[in-house]
Amino acid sequence: CHTTSDWETTTFDHTNTQFPLTGAHIPLECIAC
């Protein structure tokens, strides 16, 4: 998720996965799934 150029700005984006987060999934803690 991180890079050496900018530790704070992460590269991971759930939108680019096979399961984009929508609706009630957005505020969930990651561990829920």
All heavy atoms as atom14 arrays in JSON, in Angstrom:
{
  "sequence": "CHTTSDWETTTFDHTNTQFPLTGAHIPLECIAC",
  "atom14_mask": [
    [1, 1, 1, 1, 1, 1, 0, 0, 0, 0, 0, 0, 0, 0],
    [1, 1, 1, 1, 1, 1, 1, 1, 1, 1, 0, 0, 0, 0],
    [1, 1, 1, 1, 1, 1, 1, 0, 0, 0, 0, 0, 0, 0],
    [1, 1, 1, 1, 1, 1, 1, 0, 0, 0, 0, 0, 0, 0],
    [1, 1, 1, 1, 1, 1, 0, 0, 0, 0, 0, 0, 0, 0],
    [1, 1, 1, 1, 1, 1, 1, 1, 0, 0, 0, 0, 0, 0],
    [1, 1, 1, 1, 1, 1, 1, 1, 1, 1, 1, 1, 1, 1],
    [1, 1, 1, 1, 1, 1, 1, 1, 1, 0, 0, 0, 0, 0],
    [1, 1, 1, 1, 1, 1, 1, 0, 0, 0, 0, 0, 0, 0],
    [1, 1, 1, 1, 1, 1, 1, 0, 0, 0, 0, 0, 0, 0],
    [1, 1, 1, 1, 1, 1, 1, 0, 0, 0, 0, 0, 0, 0],
    [1, 1, 1, 1, 1, 1, 1, 1, 1, 1, 1, 0, 0, 0],
    [1, 1, 1, 1, 1, 1, 1, 1, 0, 0, 0, 0, 0, 0],
    [1, 1, 1, 1, 1, 1, 1, 1, 1, 1, 0, 0, 0, 0],
    [1, 1, 1, 1, 1, 1, 1, 0, 0, 0, 0, 0, 0, 0],
    [1, 1, 1, 1, 1, 1, 1, 1, 0, 0, 0, 0, 0, 0],
    [1, 1, 1, 1, 1, 1, 1, 0, 0, 0, 0, 0, 0, 0],
    [1, 1, 1, 1, 1, 1, 1, 1, 1, 0, 0, 0, 0, 0],
    [1, 1, 1, 1, 1, 1, 1, 1, 1, 1, 1, 0, 0, 0],
    [1, 1, 1, 1, 1, 1, 1, 0, 0, 0, 0, 0, 0, 0],
    [1, 1, 1, 1, 1, 1, 1, 1, 0, 0, 0, 0, 0, 0],
    [1, 1, 1, 1, 1, 1, 1, 0, 0, 0, 0, 0, 0, 0],
    [1, 1, 1, 1, 0, 0, 0, 0, 0, 0, 0, 0, 0, 0],
    [1, 1, 1, 1, 1, 0, 0, 0, 0, 0, 0, 0, 0, 0],
    [1, 1, 1, 1, 1, 1, 1, 1, 1, 1, 0, 0, 0, 0],
    [1, 1, 1, 1, 1, 1, 1, 1, 0, 0, 0, 0, 0, 0],
    [1, 1, 1, 1, 1, 1, 1, 0, 0, 0, 0, 0, 0, 0],
    [1, 1, 1, 1, 1, 1, 1, 1, 0, 0, 0, 0, 0, 0],
    [1, 1, 1, 1, 1, 1, 1, 1, 1, 0, 0, 0, 0, 0],
    [1, 1, 1, 1, 1, 1, 0, 0, 0, 0, 0, 0, 0, 0],
    [1, 1, 1, 1, 1, 1, 1, 1, 0, 0, 0, 0, 0, 0],
    [1, 1, 1, 1, 1, 0, 0, 0, 0, 0, 0, 0, 0, 0],
    [1, 1, 1, 1, 1, 1, 0, 0, 0, 0, 0, 0, 0, 0]
  ],
  "atom14_positions": [
    [[0.81, -1.23, 0.0], [0.0, 0.0, 0.0], [0.84, 1.28, 0.0], [0.39, 2.31, -0.49], [-0.92, 0.03, 1.22], [-2.06, -1.36, 1.33], [0.0, 0.0, 0.0], [0.0, 0.0, 0.0], [0.0, 0.0, 0.0], [0.0, 0.0, 0.0], [0.0, 0.0, 0.0], [0.0, 0.0, 0.0], [0.0, 0.0, 0.0], [0.0, 0.0, 0.0]],
    [[2.03, 1.22, 0.57], [2.86, 2.42, 0.74], [3.99, 2.45, -0.27], [4.33, 1.45, -0.89], [3.44, 2.46, 2.15], [2.41, 2.53, 3.23], [1.88, 3.7, 3.72], [1.79, 1.53, 3.94], [1.0, 3.44, 4.66], [0.92, 2.14, 4.81], [0.0, 0.0, 0.0], [0.0, 0.0, 0.0], [0.0, 0.0, 0.0], [0.0, 0.0, 0.0]],
    [[4.58, 3.63, -0.42], [5.77, 3.79, -1.25], [6.83, 4.54, -0.46], [6.53, 5.18, 0.55], [5.46, 4.59, -2.54], [5.22, 5.97, -2.2], [4.24, 4.03, -3.26], [0.0, 0.0, 0.0], [0.0, 0.0, 0.0], [0.0, 0.0, 0.0], [0.0, 0.0, 0.0], [0.0, 0.0, 0.0], [0.0, 0.0, 0.0], [0.0, 0.0, 0.0]],
    [[8.06, 4.49, -0.94], [9.13, 5.22, -0.26], [9.09, 6.71, -0.58], [9.72, 7.5, 0.11], [10.51, 4.66, -0.68], [10.65, 4.8, -2.1], [10.64, 3.2, -0.29], [0.0, 0.0, 0.0], [0.0, 0.0, 0.0], [0.0, 0.0, 0.0], [0.0, 0.0, 0.0], [0.0, 0.0, 0.0], [0.0, 0.0, 0.0], [0.0, 0.0, 0.0]],
    [[8.33, 7.08, -1.6], [8.26, 8.5, -1.99], [7.35, 9.28, -1.07], [7.64, 10.42, -0.69], [7.78, 8.63, -3.43], [8.67, 7.99, -4.31], [0.0, 0.0, 0.0], [0.0, 0.0, 0.0], [0.0, 0.0, 0.0], [0.0, 0.0, 0.0], [0.0, 0.0, 0.0], [0.0, 0.0, 0.0], [0.0, 0.0, 0.0], [0.0, 0.0, 0.0]],
    [[6.21, 8.64, -0.69], [5.24, 9.34, 0.15], [4.53, 8.31, 1.01], [3.61, 7.63, 0.56], [4.23, 10.09, -0.73], [3.25, 10.94, 0.1], [3.27, 10.83, 1.34], [2.48, 11.69, -0.5], [0.0, 0.0, 0.0], [0.0, 0.0, 0.0], [0.0, 0.0, 0.0], [0.0, 0.0, 0.0], [0.0, 0.0, 0.0], [0.0, 0.0, 0.0]],
    [[4.98, 8.2, 2.24], [4.44, 7.18, 3.15], [2.95, 7.41, 3.45], [2.18, 6.47, 3.6], [5.25, 7.2, 4.44], [4.87, 6.14, 5.43], [4.1, 6.28, 6.54], [5.26, 4.76, 5.37], [3.98, 5.07, 7.19], [4.67, 4.13, 6.5], [6.03, 4.0, 4.49], [4.85, 2.78, 6.77], [6.21, 2.65, 4.76], [5.63, 2.05, 5.88]],
    [[2.53, 8.67, 3.53], [1.16, 9.0, 3.92], [0.16, 8.67, 2.82], [-0.96, 8.23, 3.09], [1.06, 10.48, 4.29], [1.88, 10.88, 5.51], [1.42, 10.18, 6.78], [0.21, 9.94, 6.9], [2.27, 9.88, 7.63], [0.0, 0.0, 0.0], [0.0, 0.0, 0.0], [0.0, 0.0, 0.0], [0.0, 0.0, 0.0], [0.0, 0.0, 0.0]],
    [[0.52, 8.93, 1.57], [-0.39, 8.66, 0.45], [-0.24, 7.21, 0.03], [0.79, 6.81, -0.5], [-0.08, 9.59, -0.73], [-0.16, 10.95, -0.29], [-1.07, 9.37, -1.86], [0.0, 0.0, 0.0], [0.0, 0.0, 0.0], [0.0, 0.0, 0.0], [0.0, 0.0, 0.0], [0.0, 0.0, 0.0], [0.0, 0.0, 0.0], [0.0, 0.0, 0.0]],
    [[-1.28, 6.42, 0.27], [-1.2, 5.0, -0.03], [-1.64, 4.73, -1.46], [-2.42, 5.47, -2.05], [-2.09, 4.19, 0.93], [-3.45, 4.64, 0.81], [-1.62, 4.37, 2.36], [0.0, 0.0, 0.0], [0.0, 0.0, 0.0], [0.0, 0.0, 0.0], [0.0, 0.0, 0.0], [0.0, 0.0, 0.0], [0.0, 0.0, 0.0], [0.0, 0.0, 0.0]],
    [[-1.13, 3.65, -2.01], [-1.44, 3.28, -3.39], [-2.63, 2.34, -3.48], [-3.17, 2.14, -4.56], [-0.23, 2.6, -4.04], [0.12, 1.43, -3.26], [0.97, 3.52, -4.07], [0.0, 0.0, 0.0], [0.0, 0.0, 0.0], [0.0, 0.0, 0.0], [0.0, 0.0, 0.0], [0.0, 0.0, 0.0], [0.0, 0.0, 0.0], [0.0, 0.0, 0.0]],
    [[-3.06, 1.76, -2.37], [-4.16, 0.79, -2.42], [-5.5, 1.49, -2.6], [-5.79, 2.47, -1.92], [-4.2, -0.05, -1.15], [-5.31, -1.07, -1.15], [-5.19, -2.24, -1.88], [-6.5, -0.84, -0.47], [-6.21, -3.17, -1.91], [-7.52, -1.76, -0.49], [-7.38, -2.93, -1.21], [0.0, 0.0, 0.0], [0.0, 0.0, 0.0], [0.0, 0.0, 0.0]],
    [[-6.27, 1.0, -3.53], [-7.6, 1.57, -3.79], [-8.56, 0.41, -4.01], [-8.44, -0.34, -4.99], [-7.56, 2.48, -5.03], [-8.9, 3.17, -5.29], [-9.87, 2.86, -4.57], [-8.96, 4.0, -6.2], [0.0, 0.0, 0.0], [0.0, 0.0, 0.0], [0.0, 0.0, 0.0], [0.0, 0.0, 0.0], [0.0, 0.0, 0.0], [0.0, 0.0, 0.0]],
    [[-9.51, 0.25, -3.09], [-10.44, -0.88, -3.17], [-11.27, -0.83, -4.47], [-11.78, -1.87, -4.92], [-11.38, -0.88, -1.96], [-11.6, -2.24, -1.39], [-12.27, -3.24, -2.05], [-11.23, -2.77, -0.19], [-12.32, -4.32, -1.3], [-11.7, -4.08, -0.17], [0.0, 0.0, 0.0], [0.0, 0.0, 0.0], [0.0, 0.0, 0.0], [0.0, 0.0, 0.0]],
    [[-11.39, 0.35, -5.05], [-12.15, 0.49, -6.29], [-11.52, -0.31, -7.41], [-12.22, -0.76, -8.34], [-12.23, 1.98, -6.7], [-12.78, 2.71, -5.61], [-13.11, 2.17, -7.92], [0.0, 0.0, 0.0], [0.0, 0.0, 0.0], [0.0, 0.0, 0.0], [0.0, 0.0, 0.0], [0.0, 0.0, 0.0], [0.0, 0.0, 0.0], [0.0, 0.0, 0.0]],
    [[-10.22, -0.52, -7.34], [-9.51, -1.24, -8.39], [-9.44, -2.74, -8.15], [-8.76, -3.45, -8.88], [-8.1, -0.67, -8.55], [-8.11, 0.79, -8.97], [-8.97, 1.21, -9.75], [-7.16, 1.57, -8.48], [0.0, 0.0, 0.0], [0.0, 0.0, 0.0], [0.0, 0.0, 0.0], [0.0, 0.0, 0.0], [0.0, 0.0, 0.0], [0.0, 0.0, 0.0]],
    [[-10.12, -3.21, -7.11], [-10.14, -4.64, -6.83], [-11.36, -5.27, -7.49], [-12.15, -4.59, -8.14], [-10.19, -4.9, -5.31], [-11.49, -4.5, -4.81], [-9.11, -4.12, -4.59], [0.0, 0.0, 0.0], [0.0, 0.0, 0.0], [0.0, 0.0, 0.0], [0.0, 0.0, 0.0], [0.0, 0.0, 0.0], [0.0, 0.0, 0.0], [0.0, 0.0, 0.0]],
    [[-11.53, -6.56, -7.28], [-12.69, -7.28, -7.82], [-13.95, -6.98, -7.01], [-15.05, -7.38, -7.41], [-12.43, -8.79, -7.82], [-11.4, -9.25, -8.82], [-11.22, -10.75, -8.76], [-10.71, -11.31, -7.78], [-11.62, -11.43, -9.8], [0.0, 0.0, 0.0], [0.0, 0.0, 0.0], [0.0, 0.0, 0.0], [0.0, 0.0, 0.0], [0.0, 0.0, 0.0]],
    [[-13.79, -6.24, -5.9], [-14.94, -5.92, -5.06], [-14.88, -4.45, -4.66], [-14.49, -4.11, -3.54], [-14.96, -6.81, -3.81], [-16.27, -6.78, -3.07], [-17.28, -7.66, -3.36], [-16.49, -5.85, -2.07], [-18.49, -7.64, -2.67], [-17.69, -5.8, -1.37], [-18.69, -6.71, -1.69], [0.0, 0.0, 0.0], [0.0, 0.0, 0.0], [0.0, 0.0, 0.0]],
    [[-15.27, -3.53, -5.56], [-15.32, -2.1, -5.2], [-16.3, -1.89, -4.05], [-17.39, -2.48, -4.04], [-15.8, -1.42, -6.48], [-15.51, -2.4, -7.58], [-15.66, -3.76, -6.97], [0.0, 0.0, 0.0], [0.0, 0.0, 0.0], [0.0, 0.0, 0.0], [0.0, 0.0, 0.0], [0.0, 0.0, 0.0], [0.0, 0.0, 0.0], [0.0, 0.0, 0.0]],
    [[-15.92, -1.08, -3.07], [-16.8, -0.83, -1.93], [-17.88, 0.17, -2.29], [-17.59, 1.26, -2.8], [-15.98, -0.31, -0.75], [-14.91, -1.25, -0.2], [-14.23, -0.62, 1.01], [-15.51, -2.6, 0.18], [0.0, 0.0, 0.0], [0.0, 0.0, 0.0], [0.0, 0.0, 0.0], [0.0, 0.0, 0.0], [0.0, 0.0, 0.0], [0.0, 0.0, 0.0]],
    [[-19.13, -0.2, -2.02], [-20.26, 0.68, -2.27], [-21.21, 0.64, -1.09], [-21.19, -0.29, -0.28], [-21.03, 0.25, -3.55], [-21.48, -1.11, -3.38], [-20.15, 0.34, -4.78], [0.0, 0.0, 0.0], [0.0, 0.0, 0.0], [0.0, 0.0, 0.0], [0.0, 0.0, 0.0], [0.0, 0.0, 0.0], [0.0, 0.0, 0.0], [0.0, 0.0, 0.0]],
    [[-22.05, 1.65, -1.0], [-23.12, 1.66, 0.01], [-22.64, 1.39, 1.42], [-21.7, 2.0, 1.93], [0.0, 0.0, 0.0], [0.0, 0.0, 0.0], [0.0, 0.0, 0.0], [0.0, 0.0, 0.0], [0.0, 0.0, 0.0], [0.0, 0.0, 0.0], [0.0, 0.0, 0.0], [0.0, 0.0, 0.0], [0.0, 0.0, 0.0], [0.0, 0.0, 0.0]],
    [[-23.3, 0.44, 2.08], [-23.03, 0.15, 3.49], [-21.67, -0.49, 3.72], [-21.23, -0.61, 4.86], [-24.13, -0.75, 4.04], [0.0, 0.0, 0.0], [0.0, 0.0, 0.0], [0.0, 0.0, 0.0], [0.0, 0.0, 0.0], [0.0, 0.0, 0.0], [0.0, 0.0, 0.0], [0.0, 0.0, 0.0], [0.0, 0.0, 0.0], [0.0, 0.0, 0.0]],
    [[-21.01, -0.91, 2.65], [-19.69, -1.52, 2.82], [-18.6, -0.47, 3.08], [-17.57, -0.78, 3.67], [-19.3, -2.3, 1.56], [-20.14, -3.51, 1.31], [-20.61, -3.85, 0.08], [-20.62, -4.44, 2.17], [-21.33, -4.96, 0.16], [-21.36, -5.34, 1.42], [0.0, 0.0, 0.0], [0.0, 0.0, 0.0], [0.0, 0.0, 0.0], [0.0, 0.0, 0.0]],
    [[-18.83, 0.76, 2.64], [-17.78, 1.78, 2.69], [-17.28, 2.05, 4.11], [-16.07, 2.09, 4.35], [-18.27, 3.09, 2.02], [-18.51, 2.85, 0.53], [-17.25, 4.21, 2.22], [-19.13, 4.03, -0.2], [0.0, 0.0, 0.0], [0.0, 0.0, 0.0], [0.0, 0.0, 0.0], [0.0, 0.0, 0.0], [0.0, 0.0, 0.0], [0.0, 0.0, 0.0]],
    [[-18.16, 2.26, 5.12], [-17.65, 2.6, 6.45], [-17.2, 1.41, 7.29], [-16.75, 1.59, 8.42], [-18.85, 3.29, 7.11], [-20.04, 2.62, 6.48], [-19.64, 2.34, 5.06], [0.0, 0.0, 0.0], [0.0, 0.0, 0.0], [0.0, 0.0, 0.0], [0.0, 0.0, 0.0], [0.0, 0.0, 0.0], [0.0, 0.0, 0.0], [0.0, 0.0, 0.0]],
    [[-17.32, 0.19, 6.77], [-16.98, -0.98, 7.57], [-15.49, -1.04, 7.9], [-14.65, -0.6, 7.12], [-17.37, -2.26, 6.82], [-18.85, -2.56, 6.64], [-19.03, -3.87, 5.88], [-19.57, -2.65, 7.98], [0.0, 0.0, 0.0], [0.0, 0.0, 0.0], [0.0, 0.0, 0.0], [0.0, 0.0, 0.0], [0.0, 0.0, 0.0], [0.0, 0.0, 0.0]],
    [[-15.18, -1.6, 9.06], [-13.79, -1.94, 9.36], [-13.37, -3.08, 8.43], [-14.17, -3.97, 8.14], [-13.65, -2.38, 10.82], [-13.74, -1.24, 11.82], [-12.54, -0.31, 11.73], [-11.4, -0.8, 11.68], [-12.75, 0.92, 11.69], [0.0, 0.0, 0.0], [0.0, 0.0, 0.0], [0.0, 0.0, 0.0], [0.0, 0.0, 0.0], [0.0, 0.0, 0.0]],
    [[-12.14, -3.04, 8.0], [-11.65, -4.04, 7.04], [-11.85, -5.46, 7.56], [-12.18, -6.39, 6.82], [-10.18, -3.81, 6.72], [-9.81, -2.11, 6.21], [0.0, 0.0, 0.0], [0.0, 0.0, 0.0], [0.0, 0.0, 0.0], [0.0, 0.0, 0.0], [0.0, 0.0, 0.0], [0.0, 0.0, 0.0], [0.0, 0.0, 0.0], [0.0, 0.0, 0.0]],
    [[-11.66, -5.64, 8.87], [-11.71, -6.97, 9.47], [-13.11, -7.58, 9.35], [-13.27, -8.8, 9.46], [-11.26, -6.91, 10.95], [-10.81, -8.29, 11.43], [-12.35, -6.33, 11.83], [-9.53, -8.76, 10.81], [0.0, 0.0, 0.0], [0.0, 0.0, 0.0], [0.0, 0.0, 0.0], [0.0, 0.0, 0.0], [0.0, 0.0, 0.0], [0.0, 0.0, 0.0]],
    [[-14.13, -6.76, 9.12], [-15.48, -7.29, 8.99], [-15.59, -8.26, 7.83], [-16.34, -9.24, 7.89], [-16.48, -6.13, 8.8], [0.0, 0.0, 0.0], [0.0, 0.0, 0.0], [0.0, 0.0, 0.0], [0.0, 0.0, 0.0], [0.0, 0.0, 0.0], [0.0, 0.0, 0.0], [0.0, 0.0, 0.0], [0.0, 0.0, 0.0], [0.0, 0.0, 0.0]],
    [[-14.84, -8.01, 6.78], [-14.85, -8.92, 5.63], [-13.57, -9.74, 5.54], [-13.56, -10.78, 4.86], [-15.01, -8.13, 4.33], [-16.57, -7.23, 4.19], [0.0, 0.0, 0.0], [0.0, 0.0, 0.0], [0.0, 0.0, 0.0], [0.0, 0.0, 0.0], [0.0, 0.0, 0.0], [0.0, 0.0, 0.0], [0.0, 0.0, 0.0], [0.0, 0.0, 0.0]]
  ]
}
